[in-house]
PDB file of N, CA and C in Angstrom:
ATOM      1  N   MET A   1       0.844  -1.180   0.000  1.00  0.00           N
ATOM      2  CA  MET A   1       0.000   0.000   0.000  1.00  0.00           C
ATOM      3  C   MET A   1       0.887   1.240   0.000  1.00  0.00           C
ATOM      4  N   LEU A   2       0.502   2.201  -0.803  1.00  0.00           N
ATOM      5  CA  LEU A   2       1.264   3.447  -0.853  1.00  0.00           C
ATOM      6  C   LEU A   2       0.975   4.285   0.379  1.00  0.00           C
ATOM      7  N   ARG A   3       2.010   4.777   0.947  1.00  0.00           N
ATOM      8  CA  ARG A   3       1.834   5.708   2.052  1.00  0.00           C
ATOM      9  C   ARG A   3       2.636   6.939   1.717  1.00  0.00           C
ATOM     10  N   GLY A   4       2.266   8.021   2.280  1.00  0.00           N
ATOM     11  CA  GLY A   4       2.990   9.251   1.997  1.00  0.00           C
ATOM     12  C   GLY A   4       1.999  10.367   1.767  1.00  0.00           C
ATOM     13  N   ARG A   5       2.468  11.549   1.930  1.00  0.00           N
ATOM     14  CA  ARG A   5       1.555  12.667   1.924  1.00  0.00           C
ATOM     15  C   ARG A   5       1.409  13.322   0.571  1.00  0.00           C
ATOM     16  N   GLY A   6       2.244  13.027  -0.403  1.00  0.00           N
ATOM     17  CA  GLY A   6       2.159  13.772  -1.632  1.00  0.00           C
ATOM     18  C   GLY A   6       1.886  12.924  -2.858  1.00  0.00           C
ATOM     19  N   CYS A   7       1.305  11.736  -2.689  1.00  0.00           N
ATOM     20  CA  CYS A   7       1.105  10.886  -3.852  1.00  0.00           C
ATOM     21  C   CYS A   7       0.030  11.484  -4.758  1.00  0.00           C
ATOM     22  N   PRO A   8       0.177  11.303  -6.072  1.00  0.00           N
ATOM     23  CA  PRO A   8      -0.819  11.831  -7.008  1.00  0.00           C
ATOM     24  C   PRO A   8      -2.176  11.190  -6.757  1.00  0.00           C
ATOM     25  N   PRO A   9      -3.279  11.922  -7.031  1.00  0.00           N
ATOM     26  CA  PRO A   9      -4.621  11.413  -6.735  1.00  0.00           C
ATOM     27  C   PRO A   9      -4.930  10.023  -7.273  1.00  0.00           C
ATOM     28  N   PRO A  10      -4.588   9.659  -8.527  1.00  0.00           N
ATOM     29  CA  PRO A  10      -4.929   8.297  -8.965  1.00  0.00           C
ATOM     30  C   PRO A  10      -4.252   7.226  -8.128  1.00  0.00           C
ATOM     31  N   LEU A  11      -2.996   7.453  -7.741  1.00  0.00           N
ATOM     32  CA  LEU A  11      -2.288   6.475  -6.926  1.00  0.00           C
ATOM     33  C   LEU A  11      -2.878   6.399  -5.528  1.00  0.00           C
ATOM     34  N   CYS A  12      -3.222   7.516  -4.975  1.00  0.00           N
ATOM     35  CA  CYS A  12      -3.804   7.539  -3.633  1.00  0.00           C
ATOM     36  C   CYS A  12      -5.117   6.776  -3.617  1.00  0.00           C
ATOM     37  N   MET A  13      -5.926   6.976  -4.645  1.00  0.00           N
ATOM     38  CA  MET A  13      -7.224   6.314  -4.673  1.00  0.00           C
ATOM     39  C   MET A  13      -7.055   4.798  -4.838  1.00  0.00           C
ATOM     40  N   ARG A  14      -6.086   4.354  -5.646  1.00  0.00           N
ATOM     41  CA  ARG A  14      -5.848   2.919  -5.805  1.00  0.00           C
ATOM     42  C   ARG A  14      -5.292   2.314  -4.520  1.00  0.00           C
ATOM     43  N   ALA A  15      -4.588   3.115  -3.761  1.00  0.00           N
ATOM     44  CA  ALA A  15      -3.978   2.613  -2.539  1.00  0.00           C
ATOM     45  C   ALA A  15      -4.988   2.461  -1.417  1.00  0.00           C
ATOM     46  N   GLY A  16      -6.148   3.053  -1.572  1.00  0.00           N
ATOM     47  CA  GLY A  16      -7.181   2.921  -0.566  1.00  0.00           C
ATOM     48  C   GLY A  16      -7.542   4.240   0.065  1.00  0.00           C
ATOM     49  N   PRO A  17      -8.663   4.262   0.762  1.00  0.00           N
ATOM     50  CA  PRO A  17      -9.148   5.517   1.334  1.00  0.00           C
ATOM     51  C   PRO A  17      -8.249   6.111   2.400  1.00  0.00           C
ATOM     52  N   ARG A  18      -7.513   5.286   3.105  1.00  0.00           N
ATOM     53  CA  ARG A  18      -6.621   5.839   4.127  1.00  0.00           C
ATOM     54  C   ARG A  18      -5.554   6.719   3.500  1.00  0.00           C
ATOM     55  N   SER A  19      -5.016   6.304   2.371  1.00  0.00           N
ATOM     56  CA  SER A  19      -4.002   7.110   1.692  1.00  0.00           C
ATOM     57  C   SER A  19      -4.600   8.410   1.191  1.00  0.00           C
ATOM     58  N   ALA A  20      -5.816   8.344   0.657  1.00  0.00           N
ATOM     59  CA  ALA A  20      -6.479   9.556   0.171  1.00  0.00           C
ATOM     60  C   ALA A  20      -6.728  10.516   1.322  1.00  0.00           C
ATOM     61  N   ALA A  21      -7.061   9.978   2.477  1.00  0.00           N
ATOM     62  CA  ALA A  21      -7.325  10.833   3.634  1.00  0.00           C
ATOM     63  C   ALA A  21      -6.047  11.515   4.110  1.00  0.00           C
ATOM     64  N   ARG A  22      -4.905  10.880   3.885  1.00  0.00           N
ATOM     65  CA  ARG A  22      -3.650  11.478   4.322  1.00  0.00           C
ATOM     66  C   ARG A  22      -3.095  12.492   3.339  1.00  0.00           C
ATOM     67  N   ARG A  23      -3.636  12.513   2.120  1.00  0.00           N
ATOM     68  CA  ARG A  23      -3.146  13.454   1.110  1.00  0.00           C
ATOM     69  C   ARG A  23      -3.408  14.877   1.601  1.00  0.00           C
ATOM     70  N   PRO A  24      -2.418  15.751   1.522  1.00  0.00           N
ATOM     71  CA  PRO A  24      -2.623  17.119   2.006  1.00  0.00           C
ATOM     72  C   PRO A  24      -3.679  17.837   1.168  1.00  0.00           C
ATOM     73  N   ARG A  25      -4.451  18.649   1.832  1.00  0.00           N
ATOM     74  CA  ARG A  25      -5.466  19.433   1.124  1.00  0.00           C
ATOM     75  C   ARG A  25      -4.819  20.630   0.462  1.00  0.00           C
ATOM     76  N   ARG A  26      -5.244  20.906  -0.753  1.00  0.00           N
ATOM     77  CA  ARG A  26      -4.695  22.049  -1.471  1.00  0.00           C
ATOM     78  C   ARG A  26      -5.508  23.286  -1.167  1.00  0.00           C
ATOM     79  N   ARG A  27      -4.818  24.376  -1.077  1.00  0.00           N
ATOM     80  CA  ARG A  27      -5.498  25.660  -0.897  1.00  0.00           C
ATOM     81  C   ARG A  27      -5.725  26.262  -2.257  1.00  0.00           C
ATOM     82  N   HIS A  28      -6.889  26.800  -2.454  1.00  0.00           N
ATOM     83  CA  HIS A  28      -7.222  27.446  -3.714  1.00  0.00           C
ATOM     84  C   HIS A  28      -6.852  28.916  -3.621  1.00  0.00           C
ATOM     85  N   GLY A  29      -5.706  29.255  -4.169  1.00  0.00           N
ATOM     86  CA  GLY A  29      -5.231  30.627  -4.083  1.00  0.00           C
ATOM     87  C   GLY A  29      -4.512  30.852  -2.767  1.00  0.00           C
ATOM     88  N   SER A  30      -3.906  31.993  -2.645  1.00  0.00           N
ATOM     89  CA  SER A  30      -3.131  32.273  -1.447  1.00  0.00           C
ATOM     90  C   SER A  30      -3.927  33.041  -0.398  1.00  0.00           C
ATOM     91  N   VAL A  31      -5.122  33.505  -0.756  1.00  0.00           N
ATOM     92  CA  VAL A  31      -5.942  34.275   0.182  1.00  0.00           C
ATOM     93  C   VAL A  31      -7.022  33.368   0.744  1.00  0.00           C
ATOM     94  N   ARG A  32      -7.158  33.363   2.060  1.00  0.00           N
ATOM     95  CA  ARG A  32      -8.207  32.555   2.684  1.00  0.00           C
ATOM     96  C   ARG A  32      -9.571  33.093   2.281  1.00  0.00           C
ATOM     97  N   PRO A  33     -10.553  32.196   2.065  1.00  0.00           N
ATOM     98  CA  PRO A  33     -11.881  32.650   1.645  1.00  0.00           C
ATOM     99  C   PRO A  33     -12.508  33.662   2.602  1.00  0.00           C
ATOM    100  N   ASP A  34     -12.297  33.499   3.921  1.00  0.00           N
ATOM    101  CA  ASP A  34     -12.898  34.434   4.859  1.00  0.00           C
ATOM    102  C   ASP A  34     -12.317  35.834   4.732  1.00  0.00           C
ATOM    103  N   ARG A  35     -11.143  35.942   4.152  1.00  0.00           N
ATOM    104  CA  ARG A  35     -10.557  37.268   3.941  1.00  0.00           C
ATOM    105  C   ARG A  35     -11.059  37.922   2.664  1.00  0.00           C
ATOM    106  N   ARG A  36     -11.773  37.158   1.837  1.00  0.00           N
ATOM    107  CA  ARG A  36     -12.328  37.720   0.609  1.00  0.00           C
ATOM    108  C   ARG A  36     -13.759  38.208   0.793  1.00  0.00           C
ATOM    109  N   LEU A  37     -14.360  37.899   1.918  1.00  0.00           N
ATOM    110  CA  LEU A  37     -15.752  38.301   2.138  1.00  0.00           C
ATOM    111  C   LEU A  37     -15.921  39.814   2.082  1.00  0.00           C
ATOM    112  N   ASN A  38     -14.912  40.558   2.510  1.00  0.00           N
ATOM    113  CA  ASN A  38     -15.029  42.015   2.508  1.00  0.00           C
ATOM    114  C   ASN A  38     -14.999  42.606   1.102  1.00  0.00           C
ATOM    115  N   THR A  39     -14.831  41.778   0.098  1.00  0.00           N
ATOM    116  CA  THR A  39     -14.891  42.267  -1.283  1.00  0.00           C
ATOM    117  C   THR A  39     -16.315  42.237  -1.833  1.00  0.00           C
ATOM    118  N   ILE A  40     -17.240  41.635  -1.097  1.00  0.00           N
ATOM    119  CA  ILE A  40     -18.644  41.603  -1.521  1.00  0.00           C
ATOM    120  C   ILE A  40     -19.260  42.957  -1.207  1.00  0.00           C
ATOM    121  N   ARG A  41     -19.749  43.623  -2.246  1.00  0.00           N
ATOM    122  CA  ARG A  41     -20.309  44.969  -2.064  1.00  0.00           C
ATOM    123  C   ARG A  41     -21.508  45.167  -2.981  1.00  0.00           C
ATOM    124  N   ASN A  42     -22.375  46.051  -2.558  1.00  0.00           N
ATOM    125  CA  ASN A  42     -23.501  46.505  -3.373  1.00  0.00           C
ATOM    126  C   ASN A  42     -24.479  45.401  -3.761  1.00  0.00           C
ATOM    127  N   VAL A  43     -24.581  44.370  -2.948  1.00  0.00           N
ATOM    128  CA  VAL A  43     -25.592  43.331  -3.148  1.00  0.00           C
ATOM    129  C   VAL A  43     -26.191  42.993  -1.786  1.00  0.00           C
ATOM    130  N   PRO A  44     -27.477  42.715  -1.747  1.00  0.00           N
ATOM    131  CA  PRO A  44     -28.082  42.321  -0.473  1.00  0.00           C
ATOM    132  C   PRO A  44     -27.624  40.915  -0.074  1.00  0.00           C
ATOM    133  N   VAL A  45     -27.234  40.770   1.180  1.00  0.00           N
ATOM    134  CA  VAL A  45     -26.750  39.479   1.675  1.00  0.00           C
ATOM    135  C   VAL A  45     -27.429  39.184   3.008  1.00  0.00           C
ATOM    136  N   LEU A  46     -28.062  38.022   3.078  1.00  0.00           N
ATOM    137  CA  LEU A  46     -28.655  37.535   4.317  1.00  0.00           C
ATOM    138  C   LEU A  46     -27.842  36.348   4.782  1.00  0.00           C
ATOM    139  N   ILE A  47     -27.402  36.385   6.024  1.00  0.00           N
ATOM    140  CA  ILE A  47     -26.644  35.283   6.606  1.00  0.00           C
ATOM    141  C   ILE A  47     -27.405  34.797   7.827  1.00  0.00           C
ATOM    142  N   ILE A  48     -27.733  33.506   7.812  1.00  0.00           N
ATOM    143  CA  ILE A  48     -28.507  32.906   8.896  1.00  0.00           C
ATOM    144  C   ILE A  48     -27.641  31.881   9.608  1.00  0.00           C
ATOM    145  N   ALA A  49     -27.577  31.986  10.922  1.00  0.00           N
ATOM    146  CA  ALA A  49     -26.826  31.039  11.744  1.00  0.00           C
ATOM    147  C   ALA A  49     -27.789  30.277  12.633  1.00  0.00           C
ATOM    148  N   GLY A  50     -27.460  29.030  12.895  1.00  0.00           N
ATOM    149  CA  GLY A  50     -28.221  28.239  13.856  1.00  0.00           C
ATOM    150  C   GLY A  50     -27.587  28.359  15.226  1.00  0.00           C
ATOM    151  N   GLU A  51     -28.400  28.652  16.205  1.00  0.00           N
ATOM    152  CA  GLU A  51     -27.910  28.849  17.569  1.00  0.00           C
ATOM    153  C   GLU A  51     -27.125  27.640  18.081  1.00  0.00           C
ATOM    154  N   GLU A  52     -27.516  26.436  17.669  1.00  0.00           N
ATOM    155  CA  GLU A  52     -26.902  25.218  18.184  1.00  0.00           C
ATOM    156  C   GLU A  52     -25.945  24.567  17.181  1.00  0.00           C
ATOM    157  N   ASP A  53     -25.510  25.309  16.184  1.00  0.00           N
ATOM    158  CA  ASP A  53     -24.615  24.775  15.155  1.00  0.00           C
ATOM    159  C   ASP A  53     -23.212  24.615  15.735  1.00  0.00           C
ATOM    160  N   SER A  54     -22.719  23.385  15.777  1.00  0.00           N
ATOM    161  CA  SER A  54     -21.371  23.148  16.308  1.00  0.00           C
ATOM    162  C   SER A  54     -20.309  23.215  15.207  1.00  0.00           C
ATOM    163  N   GLN A  55     -20.708  23.063  13.939  1.00  0.00           N
ATOM    164  CA  GLN A  55     -19.735  23.135  12.849  1.00  0.00           C
ATOM    165  C   GLN A  55     -19.373  24.572  12.517  1.00  0.00           C
ATOM    166  N   PHE A  56     -20.365  25.446  12.511  1.00  0.00           N
ATOM    167  CA  PHE A  56     -20.151  26.875  12.290  1.00  0.00           C
ATOM    168  C   PHE A  56     -20.846  27.625  13.426  1.00  0.00           C
ATOM    169  N   PRO A  57     -20.182  27.768  14.573  1.00  0.00           N
ATOM    170  CA  PRO A  57     -20.795  28.442  15.718  1.00  0.00           C
ATOM    171  C   PRO A  57     -21.198  29.879  15.376  1.00  0.00           C
ATOM    172  N   VAL A  58     -22.130  30.395  16.125  1.00  0.00           N
ATOM    173  CA  VAL A  58     -22.664  31.730  15.867  1.00  0.00           C
ATOM    174  C   VAL A  58     -21.546  32.765  15.783  1.00  0.00           C
ATOM    175  N   TYR A  59     -20.553  32.698  16.656  1.00  0.00           N
ATOM    176  CA  TYR A  59     -19.499  33.717  16.622  1.00  0.00           C
ATOM    177  C   TYR A  59     -18.713  33.676  15.309  1.00  0.00           C
ATOM    178  N   VAL A  60     -18.549  32.494  14.714  1.00  0.00           N
ATOM    179  CA  VAL A  60     -17.840  32.382  13.437  1.00  0.00           C
ATOM    180  C   VAL A  60     -18.687  32.976  12.316  1.00  0.00           C
ATOM    181  N   VAL A  61     -19.964  32.645  12.306  1.00  0.00           N
ATOM    182  CA  VAL A  61     -20.858  33.148  11.263  1.00  0.00           C
ATOM    183  C   VAL A  61     -21.015  34.663  11.400  1.00  0.00           C
ATOM    184  N   ARG A  62     -21.041  35.153  12.637  1.00  0.00           N
ATOM    185  CA  ARG A  62     -21.132  36.605  12.852  1.00  0.00           C
ATOM    186  C   ARG A  62     -19.903  37.310  12.276  1.00  0.00           C
ATOM    187  N   LYS A  63     -18.721  36.718  12.440  1.00  0.00           N
ATOM    188  CA  LYS A  63     -17.510  37.310  11.863  1.00  0.00           C
ATOM    189  C   LYS A  63     -17.613  37.368  10.343  1.00  0.00           C
ATOM    190  N   MET A  64     -18.187  36.327   9.745  1.00  0.00           N
ATOM    191  CA  MET A  64     -18.387  36.328   8.294  1.00  0.00           C
ATOM    192  C   MET A  64     -19.330  37.465   7.904  1.00  0.00           C
ATOM    193  N   ALA A  65     -20.421  37.588   8.627  1.00  0.00           N
ATOM    194  CA  ALA A  65     -21.397  38.638   8.325  1.00  0.00           C
ATOM    195  C   ALA A  65     -20.783  40.023   8.516  1.00  0.00           C
ATOM    196  N   ASP A  66     -19.992  40.185   9.564  1.00  0.00           N
ATOM    197  CA  ASP A  66     -19.354  41.477   9.812  1.00  0.00           C
ATOM    198  C   ASP A  66     -18.382  41.857   8.702  1.00  0.00           C
ATOM    199  N   ALA A  67     -17.830  40.855   8.027  1.00  0.00           N
ATOM    200  CA  ALA A  67     -16.877  41.120   6.953  1.00  0.00           C
ATOM    201  C   ALA A  67     -17.566  41.587   5.672  1.00  0.00           C
ATOM    202  N   ILE A  68     -18.878  41.352   5.565  1.00  0.00           N
ATOM    203  CA  ILE A  68     -19.624  41.749   4.365  1.00  0.00           C
ATOM    204  C   ILE A  68     -20.384  43.027   4.676  1.00  0.00           C
ATOM    205  N   GLU A  69     -19.971  44.096   4.064  1.00  0.00           N
ATOM    206  CA  GLU A  69     -20.566  45.400   4.310  1.00  0.00           C
ATOM    207  C   GLU A  69     -22.069  45.394   4.017  1.00  0.00           C
ATOM    208  N   GLY A  70     -22.853  45.812   5.002  1.00  0.00           N
ATOM    209  CA  GLY A  70     -24.297  45.926   4.822  1.00  0.00           C
ATOM    210  C   GLY A  70     -25.063  44.623   4.882  1.00  0.00           C
ATOM    211  N   SER A  71     -24.410  43.533   5.263  1.00  0.00           N
ATOM    212  CA  SER A  71     -25.117  42.251   5.318  1.00  0.00           C
ATOM    213  C   SER A  71     -26.104  42.234   6.481  1.00  0.00           C
ATOM    214  N   THR A  72     -27.080  41.356   6.375  1.00  0.00           N
ATOM    215  CA  THR A  72     -28.065  41.156   7.429  1.00  0.00           C
ATOM    216  C   THR A  72     -27.767  39.818   8.086  1.00  0.00           C
ATOM    217  N   PHE A  73     -27.662  39.814   9.405  1.00  0.00           N
ATOM    218  CA  PHE A  73     -27.304  38.613  10.156  1.00  0.00           C
ATOM    219  C   PHE A  73     -28.449  38.239  11.085  1.00  0.00           C
ATOM    220  N   ARG A  74     -28.865  36.997  11.028  1.00  0.00           N
ATOM    221  CA  ARG A  74     -29.933  36.502  11.894  1.00  0.00           C
ATOM    222  C   ARG A  74     -29.510  35.179  12.519  1.00  0.00           C
ATOM    223  N   VAL A  75     -29.964  34.941  13.744  1.00  0.00           N
ATOM    224  CA  VAL A  75     -29.706  33.686  14.450  1.00  0.00           C
ATOM    225  C   VAL A  75     -31.047  33.015  14.713  1.00  0.00           C
ATOM    226  N   LEU A  76     -31.141  31.750  14.331  1.00  0.00           N
ATOM    227  CA  LEU A  76     -32.350  30.976  14.585  1.00  0.00           C
ATOM    228  C   LEU A  76     -32.165  30.175  15.867  1.00  0.00           C
ATOM    229  N   GLN A  77     -33.086  30.349  16.800  1.00  0.00           N
ATOM    230  CA  GLN A  77     -33.046  29.651  18.072  1.00  0.00           C
ATOM    231  C   GLN A  77     -33.387  28.172  17.862  1.00  0.00           C
ATOM    232  N   HIS A  78     -32.843  27.298  18.690  1.00  0.00           N
ATOM    233  CA  HIS A  78     -33.127  25.856  18.667  1.00  0.00           C
ATOM    234  C   HIS A  78     -32.869  25.249  17.285  1.00  0.00           C
ATOM    235  N   THR A  79     -31.843  25.727  16.601  1.00  0.00           N
ATOM    236  CA  THR A  79     -31.511  25.256  15.258  1.00  0.00           C
ATOM    237  C   THR A  79     -30.013  25.004  15.195  1.00  0.00           C
ATOM    238  N   ALA A  80     -29.647  23.909  14.513  1.00  0.00           N
ATOM    239  CA  ALA A  80     -28.229  23.564  14.391  1.00  0.00           C
ATOM    240  C   ALA A  80     -27.749  23.835  12.967  1.00  0.00           C
ATOM    241  N   HIS A  81     -26.941  22.934  12.407  1.00  0.00           N
ATOM    242  CA  HIS A  81     -26.246  23.181  11.146  1.00  0.00           C
ATOM    243  C   HIS A  81     -27.160  23.143   9.923  1.00  0.00           C
ATOM    244  N   LEU A  82     -28.132  22.274   9.893  1.00  0.00           N
ATOM    245  CA  LEU A  82     -29.012  22.136   8.731  1.00  0.00           C
ATOM    246  C   LEU A  82     -30.286  22.952   8.948  1.00  0.00           C
ATOM    247  N   ALA A  83     -30.125  24.247   9.025  1.00  0.00           N
ATOM    248  CA  ALA A  83     -31.226  25.140   9.389  1.00  0.00           C
ATOM    249  C   ALA A  83     -32.442  24.982   8.482  1.00  0.00           C
ATOM    250  N   ALA A  84     -32.248  24.910   7.193  1.00  0.00           N
ATOM    251  CA  ALA A  84     -33.386  24.815   6.267  1.00  0.00           C
ATOM    252  C   ALA A  84     -34.148  23.510   6.446  1.00  0.00           C
ATOM    253  N   ARG A  85     -33.486  22.487   6.899  1.00  0.00           N
ATOM    254  CA  ARG A  85     -34.157  21.195   7.128  1.00  0.00           C
ATOM    255  C   ARG A  85     -34.750  21.126   8.538  1.00  0.00           C
ATOM    256  N   GLU A  86     -34.025  21.647   9.510  1.00  0.00           N
ATOM    257  CA  GLU A  86     -34.453  21.556  10.909  1.00  0.00           C
ATOM    258  C   GLU A  86     -35.541  22.569  11.253  1.00  0.00           C
ATOM    259  N   ASN A  87     -35.470  23.715  10.612  1.00  0.00           N
ATOM    260  CA  ASN A  87     -36.381  24.809  10.949  1.00  0.00           C
ATOM    261  C   ASN A  87     -36.796  25.563   9.678  1.00  0.00           C
ATOM    262  N   PRO A  88     -37.482  24.869   8.745  1.00  0.00           N
ATOM    263  CA  PRO A  88     -37.822  25.526   7.484  1.00  0.00           C
ATOM    264  C   PRO A  88     -38.721  26.742   7.653  1.00  0.00           C
ATOM    265  N   GLU A  89     -39.608  26.700   8.633  1.00  0.00           N
ATOM    266  CA  GLU A  89     -40.489  27.852   8.856  1.00  0.00           C
ATOM    267  C   GLU A  89     -39.688  29.073   9.286  1.00  0.00           C
ATOM    268  N   GLY A  90     -38.728  28.864  10.177  1.00  0.00           N
ATOM    269  CA  GLY A  90     -37.892  29.972  10.637  1.00  0.00           C
ATOM    270  C   GLY A  90     -37.027  30.539   9.527  1.00  0.00           C
ATOM    271  N   VAL A  91     -36.427  29.655   8.737  1.00  0.00           N
ATOM    272  CA  VAL A  91     -35.586  30.102   7.625  1.00  0.00           C
ATOM    273  C   VAL A  91     -36.425  30.876   6.617  1.00  0.00           C
ATOM    274  N   ASN A  92     -37.589  30.317   6.247  1.00  0.00           N
ATOM    275  CA  ASN A  92     -38.453  30.997   5.276  1.00  0.00           C
ATOM    276  C   ASN A  92     -38.942  32.338   5.796  1.00  0.00           C
ATOM    277  N   ALA A  93     -39.255  32.409   7.082  1.00  0.00           N
ATOM    278  CA  ALA A  93     -39.702  33.679   7.661  1.00  0.00           C
ATOM    279  C   ALA A  93     -38.589  34.726   7.585  1.00  0.00           C
ATOM    280  N   GLU A  94     -37.344  34.330   7.863  1.00  0.00           N
ATOM    281  CA  GLU A  94     -36.220  35.271   7.781  1.00  0.00           C
ATOM    282  C   GLU A  94     -35.983  35.722   6.344  1.00  0.00           C
ATOM    283  N   ILE A  95     -36.087  34.797   5.395  1.00  0.00           N
ATOM    284  CA  ILE A  95     -35.900  35.150   3.986  1.00  0.00           C
ATOM    285  C   ILE A  95     -37.013  36.094   3.525  1.00  0.00           C
ATOM    286  N   ASP A  96     -38.254  35.781   3.892  1.00  0.00           N
ATOM    287  CA  ASP A  96     -39.378  36.654   3.525  1.00  0.00           C
ATOM    288  C   ASP A  96     -39.191  38.058   4.092  1.00  0.00           C
ATOM    289  N   ALA A  97     -38.834  38.136   5.377  1.00  0.00           N
ATOM    290  CA  ALA A  97     -38.625  39.442   6.011  1.00  0.00           C
ATOM    291  C   ALA A  97     -37.475  40.195   5.346  1.00  0.00           C
ATOM    292  N   PHE A  98     -36.441  39.476   4.964  1.00  0.00           N
ATOM    293  CA  PHE A  98     -35.290  40.089   4.286  1.00  0.00           C
ATOM    294  C   PHE A  98     -35.723  40.698   2.958  1.00  0.00           C
ATOM    295  N   PHE A  99     -36.497  39.948   2.169  1.00  0.00           N
ATOM    296  CA  PHE A  99     -36.942  40.459   0.874  1.00  0.00           C
ATOM    297  C   PHE A  99     -37.902  41.642   1.026  1.00  0.00           C
ATOM    298  N   VAL A 100     -38.765  41.577   1.998  1.00  0.00           N
ATOM    299  CA  VAL A 100     -39.714  42.677   2.220  1.00  0.00           C
ATOM    300  C   VAL A 100     -38.973  43.960   2.588  1.00  0.00           C
ATOM    301  N   ALA A 101     -37.886  43.817   3.337  1.00  0.00           N
ATOM    302  CA  ALA A 101     -37.132  44.997   3.784  1.00  0.00           C
ATOM    303  C   ALA A 101     -36.250  45.604   2.694  1.00  0.00           C
ATOM    304  N   LEU A 102     -36.049  44.891   1.583  1.00  0.00           N
ATOM    305  CA  LEU A 102     -35.219  45.428   0.513  1.00  0.00           C
ATOM    306  C   LEU A 102     -35.915  46.598  -0.160  1.00  0.00           C
ATOM    307  N   PRO A 103     -35.155  47.600  -0.570  1.00  0.00           N
ATOM    308  CA  PRO A 103     -35.764  48.710  -1.312  1.00  0.00           C
ATOM    309  C   PRO A 103     -36.289  48.209  -2.664  1.00  0.00           C
ATOM    310  N   ALA A 104     -37.373  48.804  -3.109  1.00  0.00           N
ATOM    311  CA  ALA A 104     -37.962  48.420  -4.386  1.00  0.00           C
ATOM    312  C   ALA A 104     -37.019  48.764  -5.532  1.00  0.00           C
ATOM    313  N   ALA A 105     -36.990  47.885  -6.531  1.00  0.00           N
ATOM    314  CA  ALA A 105     -36.145  48.138  -7.709  1.00  0.00           C
ATOM    315  C   ALA A 105     -36.720  49.295  -8.502  1.00  0.00           C
ATOM    316  N   ALA A 106     -35.839  50.107  -9.073  1.00  0.00           N
ATOM    317  CA  ALA A 106     -36.284  51.271  -9.823  1.00  0.00           C
ATOM    318  C   ALA A 106     -36.780  50.903 -11.191  1.00  0.00           C
TER     319      ALA A 106
END
């Protein structure tokens, strides 16, 4: 079995899933995605966080929202990572309220 951190993808896959899991992840570009959020401008953005989300805690999602100028940030109570599945009524209500609050197109 091939072991090592830099084997080409076809070899890693033939060697088994453990080898693929050890392959280093590539970064796309030199700038982290969270540092590019502040380049989003002049578009309405709604960001919804689940209060009980352990994968993306509220403080992390809030930092993302803070990086986007003029974004709207909402937290859904009693909701975890799959907000649209766990709390579709809450998500839809936030989206509806977001659209209603947008200025009318000229």
